[in-house]
Amino acid sequence: MPPHLGEFYRVHNVMGHRFVLDIKYSKVQQRPQLGLEYPVCVAWDVELSRWVLIRKCARVLSESAYALNLLADIKMQRHFQDNDMIPCLHEVVLISGDSGYGGTEADAYVVTEAPDTSLYNLIHPFRERLSSDHVQWFLSRLLRGLHDLHSANVFHLDLSVSSVHVFRNCDLRTVNVAWEAQLPGLGTTDPKPFQRWYKAPELLFDSSRWHTTNSGKAAADMWAVGCVFAEMLSGRVLFQGRDLYHQLDCIINLLGVPTPEAVACLAETRGQELIASLQPSAPVSLHQLLPDAPPDALDLLERLLDYHPFRRLTPMEALHHPYLAGMFDPAEPMPESAPFDTSFAVEALTRAPHSVQEGLWSMLLEEGVQLDPSFWVT
């Protein structure tokens, strides 16, 4: 640790990861039940008298896409301050490297409110289904949050039970937004961020007509909502494919072979030929799969898991479904944020006088200064 940080910062080892944190953070500990892929810890903020979640972005400038994703997360959390599905951002700390603009060794720490667990951890370890009230509440909150995101032209694209965090009061937050398919300037629509089990069939076929348009991205989110909904109802993953082809088998075995009209929407030529080679099969009754689920729940699930992307319900349409009548008041104002401006991605990759990394570092600093200059160390 640089000598000038020793008075105000302490080094903590959390599951083999080195965290350099302000001395105001005590009781630093791991929180594995959140199921996050990146290094995180929870700590007690002695100034705010609350637990916080601290995410470490190691060597954040080592790859421009990595830094750009962090920049997008920060901007999103500030943009959607009224969206109760987006984690509340407390601060961001940059610990610079040896060079003047941070260097590839620079680390970033993002501090947000600390959830208690994830939706995955509520469902699977105990092998118990959630109560009907919990399912309806969680689904309604998830749909409200997605409505706000979609109205601002932001799409999650990595939604799963692991990416939904839960608080003791049953509030939800979503994490792991997949920016790769929605930020200009990255030059990729890499499908890796989408978790296979929750991935819409048109994305499995990599149909560019859908994952490159806002309407297609919104429809992909709603398929994932259907998968999460089914998992809450049954206590098990709905489509648990071992690989791409087995994932398609799982979907077709339940929903049947798609109609020619749906096939034309789902896949390009190669995918259409693959589906045409399959033996026709009838869909399995959702009542047979989920015998204890109420009819309204099965009807809503069927409308979310439609092969045709444009026929899937939108978040608002799903909120108006009879299954959620007790959880949604049509007279209640719905959050609708202003469109989220993603032009910063192109600017970040073109503004640097010497390097992309320098441009990204300067933009991260600008975001930090807007949060609170006292949090930044350079």
Protein backbone atom coordinates (compact mmCIF):
# COMPACT_ATOMS: atom_id res chain seq x y z
CA MET A 1 0.00 0.00 0.00
CA PRO A 2 1.37 3.46 -0.85
CA PRO A 3 2.80 5.15 2.28
CA HIS A 4 0.52 8.19 1.99
CA LEU A 5 -2.53 5.94 2.43
CA GLY A 6 -1.37 4.26 5.63
CA GLU A 7 -2.91 6.81 8.00
CA PHE A 8 -6.40 6.64 6.51
CA TYR A 9 -6.62 3.19 4.91
CA ARG A 10 -6.23 -0.39 6.04
CA VAL A 11 -5.54 -3.59 4.07
CA HIS A 12 -8.00 -6.47 4.53
CA ASN A 13 -7.80 -9.99 3.14
CA VAL A 14 -11.22 -11.27 2.08
CA MET A 15 -11.30 -14.77 0.60
CA GLY A 16 -7.80 -14.26 -0.81
CA HIS A 17 -8.55 -10.81 -2.24
CA ARG A 18 -6.71 -7.71 -1.02
CA PHE A 19 -9.03 -4.81 -0.12
CA VAL A 20 -7.56 -1.37 0.64
CA LEU A 21 -10.35 0.36 2.57
CA ASP A 22 -10.93 3.58 4.45
CA ILE A 23 -10.51 3.20 8.21
CA LYS A 24 -14.17 4.16 8.65
CA TYR A 25 -15.04 0.62 7.48
CA SER A 26 -14.87 -1.95 10.28
CA LYS A 27 -16.02 -5.56 10.76
CA VAL A 28 -14.99 -6.37 7.19
CA GLN A 29 -16.22 -9.84 6.22
CA GLN A 30 -17.16 -12.01 3.29
CA ARG A 31 -20.74 -12.49 2.05
CA PRO A 32 -20.62 -15.59 -0.20
CA GLN A 33 -24.38 -16.10 -0.24
CA LEU A 34 -24.77 -13.14 -2.61
CA GLY A 35 -23.40 -15.29 -5.42
CA LEU A 36 -21.41 -12.51 -7.07
CA GLU A 37 -18.64 -13.32 -9.53
CA TYR A 38 -16.43 -10.35 -8.65
CA PRO A 39 -14.64 -9.82 -5.30
CA VAL A 40 -16.93 -8.25 -2.69
CA CYS A 41 -17.07 -7.82 1.05
CA VAL A 42 -19.44 -6.27 3.54
CA ALA A 43 -18.33 -3.81 6.19
CA TRP A 44 -19.79 -1.65 8.91
CA ASP A 45 -19.64 2.06 8.01
CA VAL A 46 -19.01 3.73 11.37
CA GLU A 47 -19.96 7.16 9.97
CA LEU A 48 -23.32 6.06 8.54
CA SER A 49 -23.93 3.34 11.17
CA ARG A 50 -24.96 0.80 8.55
CA TRP A 51 -23.66 -2.19 6.65
CA VAL A 52 -22.36 -1.57 3.14
CA LEU A 53 -21.36 -3.81 0.25
CA ILE A 54 -17.94 -3.09 -1.25
CA ARG A 55 -17.11 -4.36 -4.74
CA LYS A 56 -13.50 -4.41 -5.84
CA CYS A 57 -12.69 -3.81 -9.51
CA ALA A 58 -9.05 -4.87 -9.62
CA ARG A 59 -6.81 -3.34 -12.31
CA VAL A 60 -9.84 -1.57 -13.67
CA LEU A 61 -7.90 0.01 -16.55
CA SER A 62 -6.30 -3.22 -17.73
CA GLU A 63 -9.07 -3.60 -20.32
CA SER A 64 -11.12 -0.75 -21.74
CA ALA A 65 -14.32 -2.86 -21.71
CA TYR A 66 -13.85 -3.55 -17.97
CA ALA A 67 -13.47 0.17 -17.16
CA LEU A 68 -16.36 1.07 -19.45
CA ASN A 69 -18.65 -1.39 -17.67
CA LEU A 70 -17.73 0.16 -14.31
CA LEU A 71 -18.36 3.64 -15.70
CA ALA A 72 -21.76 2.52 -16.99
CA ASP A 73 -22.66 0.99 -13.61
CA ILE A 74 -21.80 4.23 -11.80
CA LYS A 75 -23.75 6.37 -14.26
CA MET A 76 -26.72 3.99 -14.10
CA GLN A 77 -26.84 4.01 -10.30
CA ARG A 78 -26.81 7.80 -10.29
CA HIS A 79 -29.36 8.07 -13.13
CA PHE A 80 -31.91 5.71 -11.55
CA GLN A 81 -31.90 7.18 -8.05
CA ASP A 82 -35.68 6.74 -7.75
CA ASN A 83 -35.68 3.14 -9.01
CA ASP A 84 -35.94 0.87 -5.98
CA MET A 85 -34.47 -2.03 -7.98
CA ILE A 86 -31.09 -0.31 -8.47
CA PRO A 87 -28.59 -0.45 -5.57
CA CYS A 88 -28.08 2.87 -3.80
CA LEU A 89 -24.56 4.12 -4.56
CA HIS A 90 -22.72 5.51 -1.53
CA GLU A 91 -19.28 6.22 -2.95
CA VAL A 92 -16.55 5.14 -5.34
CA VAL A 93 -12.89 5.14 -4.40
CA LEU A 94 -10.06 4.98 -6.93
CA ILE A 95 -6.61 3.91 -5.77
CA SER A 96 -4.24 4.97 -8.51
CA GLY A 97 -1.22 3.13 -9.85
CA ASP A 98 2.24 4.48 -10.49
CA SER A 99 1.46 6.58 -13.59
CA GLY A 100 -0.19 9.96 -13.51
CA TYR A 101 -3.55 8.83 -14.85
CA GLY A 102 -3.96 5.73 -12.70
CA GLY A 103 -2.16 3.11 -14.75
CA THR A 104 -3.25 -0.43 -15.41
CA GLU A 105 -2.60 -1.31 -11.75
CA ALA A 106 -5.31 1.07 -10.49
CA ASP A 107 -8.12 -0.45 -8.43
CA ALA A 108 -11.65 0.84 -7.95
CA TYR A 109 -13.96 0.20 -4.99
CA VAL A 110 -17.71 0.68 -5.43
CA VAL A 111 -19.66 1.05 -2.17
CA THR A 112 -23.41 0.41 -2.15
CA GLU A 113 -26.06 -0.63 0.35
CA ALA A 114 -25.62 -4.18 1.64
CA PRO A 115 -28.37 -6.73 0.88
CA ASP A 116 -28.99 -9.69 3.15
CA THR A 117 -29.10 -12.46 0.57
CA SER A 118 -29.99 -13.32 -3.03
CA LEU A 119 -33.19 -14.73 -4.47
CA TYR A 120 -31.21 -17.87 -5.35
CA ASN A 121 -30.28 -18.36 -1.72
CA LEU A 122 -33.91 -18.01 -0.64
CA ILE A 123 -35.08 -20.67 -3.08
CA HIS A 124 -32.46 -23.39 -3.39
CA PRO A 125 -30.49 -24.19 -0.22
CA PHE A 126 -33.63 -25.06 1.74
CA ARG A 127 -35.45 -26.78 -1.14
CA GLU A 128 -38.61 -24.95 -0.14
CA ARG A 129 -40.95 -23.01 -2.36
CA LEU A 130 -41.67 -19.41 -1.52
CA SER A 131 -45.11 -18.53 -0.22
CA SER A 132 -47.67 -17.20 -2.71
CA ASP A 133 -47.47 -13.75 -1.13
CA HIS A 134 -43.69 -13.67 -1.46
CA VAL A 135 -43.80 -14.79 -5.10
CA GLN A 136 -46.36 -12.13 -5.99
CA TRP A 137 -44.49 -9.42 -4.11
CA PHE A 138 -41.08 -10.25 -5.57
CA LEU A 139 -42.48 -10.53 -9.09
CA SER A 140 -44.34 -7.22 -8.86
CA ARG A 141 -41.23 -5.40 -7.58
CA LEU A 142 -39.11 -6.94 -10.31
CA LEU A 143 -41.58 -5.84 -12.99
CA ARG A 144 -41.78 -2.30 -11.60
CA GLY A 145 -38.02 -1.99 -11.72
CA LEU A 146 -37.80 -3.36 -15.26
CA HIS A 147 -40.54 -1.00 -16.43
CA ASP A 148 -38.44 1.94 -15.29
CA LEU A 149 -35.26 0.54 -16.87
CA HIS A 150 -36.98 -0.21 -20.19
CA SER A 151 -38.61 3.22 -20.30
CA ALA A 152 -35.08 4.66 -20.18
CA ASN A 153 -33.81 2.25 -22.87
CA VAL A 154 -31.75 0.22 -20.42
CA PHE A 155 -32.04 -3.57 -20.37
CA HIS A 156 -30.75 -6.03 -17.83
CA LEU A 157 -29.91 -8.93 -20.18
CA ASP A 158 -28.41 -11.04 -17.38
CA LEU A 159 -31.41 -11.52 -15.15
CA SER A 160 -31.48 -14.63 -12.95
CA VAL A 161 -32.27 -15.57 -9.36
CA SER A 162 -28.59 -14.93 -8.56
CA SER A 163 -28.69 -11.36 -9.89
CA VAL A 164 -31.65 -10.39 -7.67
CA HIS A 165 -30.63 -9.39 -4.15
CA VAL A 166 -33.07 -9.39 -1.24
CA PHE A 167 -33.27 -7.31 1.94
CA ARG A 168 -34.88 -8.27 5.24
CA ASN A 169 -37.89 -6.05 4.46
CA CYS A 170 -38.32 -7.93 1.13
CA ASP A 171 -37.04 -5.05 -1.00
CA LEU A 172 -35.16 -6.20 -4.10
CA ARG A 173 -32.13 -4.93 -6.01
CA THR A 174 -30.81 -6.18 -9.35
CA VAL A 175 -27.09 -6.43 -10.12
CA ASN A 176 -24.88 -7.59 -13.00
CA VAL A 177 -26.50 -5.55 -15.78
CA ALA A 178 -24.93 -6.76 -19.04
CA TRP A 179 -23.66 -3.66 -20.81
CA GLU A 180 -21.79 -5.46 -23.59
CA ALA A 181 -24.85 -5.68 -25.83
CA GLN A 182 -26.09 -2.12 -25.29
CA LEU A 183 -23.14 0.27 -25.16
CA PRO A 184 -21.97 1.84 -28.42
CA GLY A 185 -18.24 1.71 -28.92
CA LEU A 186 -17.55 -1.72 -27.43
CA GLY A 187 -17.77 -3.34 -30.84
CA THR A 188 -19.24 -6.60 -29.54
CA THR A 189 -22.51 -8.31 -28.77
CA ASP A 190 -20.76 -11.08 -26.89
CA PRO A 191 -23.49 -13.38 -25.55
CA LYS A 192 -21.43 -14.63 -22.61
CA PRO A 193 -23.03 -12.27 -20.05
CA PHE A 194 -26.43 -13.88 -20.57
CA GLN A 195 -26.82 -16.88 -18.34
CA ARG A 196 -27.90 -19.83 -20.45
CA TRP A 197 -30.70 -21.11 -18.21
CA TYR A 198 -32.52 -17.78 -18.39
CA LYS A 199 -31.63 -16.92 -21.96
CA ALA A 200 -34.41 -16.32 -24.49
CA PRO A 201 -34.45 -18.77 -27.41
CA GLU A 202 -33.75 -16.06 -29.98
CA LEU A 203 -30.56 -15.24 -28.10
CA LEU A 204 -29.55 -18.88 -28.07
CA PHE A 205 -29.80 -18.75 -31.85
CA ASP A 206 -27.92 -15.42 -31.80
CA SER A 207 -30.57 -13.78 -33.97
CA SER A 208 -29.21 -10.26 -34.49
CA ARG A 209 -32.68 -8.97 -35.28
CA TRP A 210 -33.52 -9.20 -31.59
CA HIS A 211 -30.48 -8.63 -29.41
CA THR A 212 -29.49 -5.49 -31.34
CA THR A 213 -32.87 -3.72 -31.01
CA ASN A 214 -34.46 -2.20 -27.92
CA SER A 215 -37.68 -4.15 -28.43
CA GLY A 216 -35.73 -7.38 -28.73
CA LYS A 217 -33.70 -6.69 -25.59
CA ALA A 218 -36.87 -5.89 -23.65
CA ALA A 219 -38.47 -9.15 -24.83
CA ALA A 220 -35.36 -11.09 -23.77
CA ASP A 221 -35.66 -9.59 -20.27
CA MET A 222 -39.28 -10.71 -20.08
CA TRP A 223 -38.37 -14.30 -20.99
CA ALA A 224 -35.87 -14.24 -18.11
CA VAL A 225 -38.61 -12.89 -15.83
CA GLY A 226 -40.72 -15.90 -16.81
CA CYS A 227 -37.86 -18.27 -15.91
CA VAL A 228 -37.34 -16.54 -12.54
CA PHE A 229 -41.11 -16.62 -11.91
CA ALA A 230 -41.29 -20.36 -12.61
CA GLU A 231 -38.32 -20.96 -10.31
CA MET A 232 -40.04 -19.09 -7.49
CA LEU A 233 -43.19 -21.17 -8.01
CA SER A 234 -41.49 -24.56 -8.22
CA GLY A 235 -38.24 -24.20 -6.26
CA ARG A 236 -36.18 -25.52 -9.20
CA VAL A 237 -34.62 -24.20 -12.40
CA LEU A 238 -37.08 -24.39 -15.29
CA PHE A 239 -34.65 -24.90 -18.20
CA GLN A 240 -31.40 -26.35 -16.86
CA GLY A 241 -29.46 -27.11 -20.03
CA ARG A 242 -25.93 -28.53 -19.90
CA ASP A 243 -24.93 -26.76 -23.11
CA LEU A 244 -26.49 -24.76 -25.94
CA TYR A 245 -28.19 -27.70 -27.67
CA HIS A 246 -29.40 -29.27 -24.45
CA GLN A 247 -30.79 -25.88 -23.42
CA LEU A 248 -32.85 -25.81 -26.63
CA ASP A 249 -33.99 -29.38 -25.92
CA CYS A 250 -35.16 -28.37 -22.45
CA ILE A 251 -37.19 -25.47 -23.86
CA ILE A 252 -38.71 -27.47 -26.73
CA ASN A 253 -39.53 -30.45 -24.49
CA LEU A 254 -41.67 -28.16 -22.33
CA LEU A 255 -43.08 -25.68 -24.84
CA GLY A 256 -43.18 -27.92 -27.90
CA VAL A 257 -41.60 -27.30 -31.31
CA PRO A 258 -42.22 -23.67 -32.29
CA THR A 259 -44.60 -22.91 -35.13
CA PRO A 260 -43.16 -21.86 -38.53
CA GLU A 261 -44.19 -18.27 -37.73
CA ALA A 262 -42.25 -18.35 -34.46
CA VAL A 263 -39.27 -20.05 -36.09
CA ALA A 264 -39.02 -17.21 -38.60
CA CYS A 265 -38.72 -14.79 -35.67
CA LEU A 266 -36.36 -16.85 -33.55
CA ALA A 267 -33.52 -17.80 -35.82
CA GLU A 268 -31.56 -17.12 -38.95
CA THR A 269 -31.21 -19.73 -41.68
CA ARG A 270 -29.00 -22.15 -39.75
CA GLY A 271 -31.26 -22.10 -36.71
CA GLN A 272 -34.36 -22.55 -38.84
CA GLU A 273 -32.83 -25.64 -40.43
CA LEU A 274 -32.02 -27.03 -36.97
CA ILE A 275 -35.60 -26.58 -35.74
CA ALA A 276 -37.03 -27.99 -38.98
CA SER A 277 -35.08 -31.18 -38.35
CA LEU A 278 -36.82 -31.78 -35.02
CA GLN A 279 -39.79 -34.09 -34.62
CA PRO A 280 -43.03 -32.20 -33.92
CA SER A 281 -44.00 -32.34 -30.26
CA ALA A 282 -46.86 -30.94 -28.24
CA PRO A 283 -46.21 -28.62 -25.29
CA VAL A 284 -46.38 -29.98 -21.76
CA SER A 285 -49.24 -28.60 -19.68
CA LEU A 286 -47.92 -26.04 -17.21
CA HIS A 287 -50.49 -27.35 -14.74
CA GLN A 288 -48.82 -30.76 -15.00
CA LEU A 289 -45.44 -29.14 -14.32
CA LEU A 290 -46.72 -26.89 -11.53
CA PRO A 291 -49.82 -28.61 -10.12
CA ASP A 292 -49.99 -26.39 -7.02
CA ALA A 293 -49.77 -23.08 -8.88
CA PRO A 294 -53.01 -21.06 -9.23
CA PRO A 295 -54.51 -20.80 -12.75
CA ASP A 296 -53.76 -17.07 -12.94
CA ALA A 297 -50.08 -17.74 -12.25
CA LEU A 298 -49.89 -20.36 -15.01
CA ASP A 299 -51.62 -18.01 -17.46
CA LEU A 300 -49.13 -15.24 -16.69
CA LEU A 301 -46.20 -17.65 -17.00
CA GLU A 302 -47.44 -18.86 -20.38
CA ARG A 303 -47.64 -15.26 -21.63
CA LEU A 304 -44.07 -14.58 -20.54
CA LEU A 305 -42.61 -17.76 -22.06
CA ASP A 306 -43.90 -17.14 -25.58
CA TYR A 307 -41.58 -18.16 -28.41
CA HIS A 308 -42.48 -15.01 -30.33
CA PRO A 309 -40.60 -12.08 -28.71
CA PHE A 310 -43.22 -9.49 -29.62
CA ARG A 311 -46.03 -11.52 -28.07
CA ARG A 312 -44.44 -11.63 -24.63
CA LEU A 313 -45.98 -9.29 -22.10
CA THR A 314 -44.25 -6.03 -21.28
CA PRO A 315 -43.56 -5.22 -17.60
CA MET A 316 -46.62 -2.96 -17.46
CA GLU A 317 -48.87 -5.54 -19.12
CA ALA A 318 -47.66 -8.17 -16.67
CA LEU A 319 -48.36 -5.86 -13.72
CA HIS A 320 -51.95 -5.51 -14.92
CA HIS A 321 -52.40 -9.28 -15.03
CA PRO A 322 -55.03 -10.65 -12.59
CA TYR A 323 -52.38 -12.71 -10.78
CA LEU A 324 -50.85 -9.48 -9.46
CA ALA A 325 -54.14 -7.69 -8.76
CA GLY A 326 -53.42 -7.57 -5.03
CA MET A 327 -49.89 -6.21 -5.53
CA PHE A 328 -50.42 -3.49 -8.12
CA ASP A 329 -52.63 -0.42 -7.99
CA PRO A 330 -53.19 0.98 -11.52
CA ALA A 331 -53.76 4.41 -9.97
CA GLU A 332 -50.32 4.40 -8.38
CA PRO A 333 -47.75 6.48 -10.30
CA MET A 334 -45.14 4.32 -11.98
CA PRO A 335 -41.48 5.38 -12.05
CA GLU A 336 -40.33 6.35 -15.54
CA SER A 337 -36.82 7.72 -15.74
CA ALA A 338 -35.53 9.89 -18.54
CA PRO A 339 -33.68 8.07 -21.34
CA PHE A 340 -30.24 6.90 -20.27
CA ASP A 341 -27.59 8.56 -22.42
CA THR A 342 -24.98 6.00 -23.54
CA SER A 343 -22.98 8.40 -25.71
CA PHE A 344 -20.36 8.51 -22.94
CA ALA A 345 -19.15 5.13 -24.20
CA VAL A 346 -18.08 6.55 -27.54
CA GLU A 347 -16.70 9.66 -25.87
CA ALA A 348 -14.65 7.61 -23.43
CA LEU A 349 -13.07 5.65 -26.25
CA THR A 350 -12.25 8.69 -28.40
CA ARG A 351 -11.50 11.62 -26.09
CA ALA A 352 -8.12 10.53 -24.71
CA PRO A 353 -5.14 12.51 -26.00
CA HIS A 354 -2.70 9.64 -25.40
CA SER A 355 -4.62 6.46 -24.69
CA VAL A 356 -8.04 4.97 -24.14
CA GLN A 357 -7.09 4.16 -20.54
CA GLU A 358 -6.28 7.81 -19.82
CA GLY A 359 -9.65 8.89 -21.17
CA LEU A 360 -11.52 6.33 -19.11
CA TRP A 361 -9.58 7.28 -15.99
CA SER A 362 -10.44 10.95 -16.43
CA MET A 363 -14.12 10.14 -16.91
CA LEU A 364 -14.15 7.95 -13.81
CA LEU A 365 -12.58 10.81 -11.86
CA GLU A 366 -15.24 13.20 -13.15
CA GLU A 367 -17.96 10.84 -11.94
CA GLY A 368 -16.27 10.61 -8.58
CA VAL A 369 -15.92 14.35 -8.17
CA GLN A 370 -19.65 14.64 -8.81
CA LEU A 371 -20.30 12.14 -6.02
CA ASP A 372 -17.96 13.58 -3.41
CA PRO A 373 -14.37 14.74 -4.03
CA SER A 374 -13.30 13.72 -0.54
CA PHE A 375 -13.69 10.05 -1.44
CA TRP A 376 -11.01 10.03 -4.13
CA VAL A 377 -7.38 9.11 -3.66
CA THR A 378 -4.89 9.70 -6.48
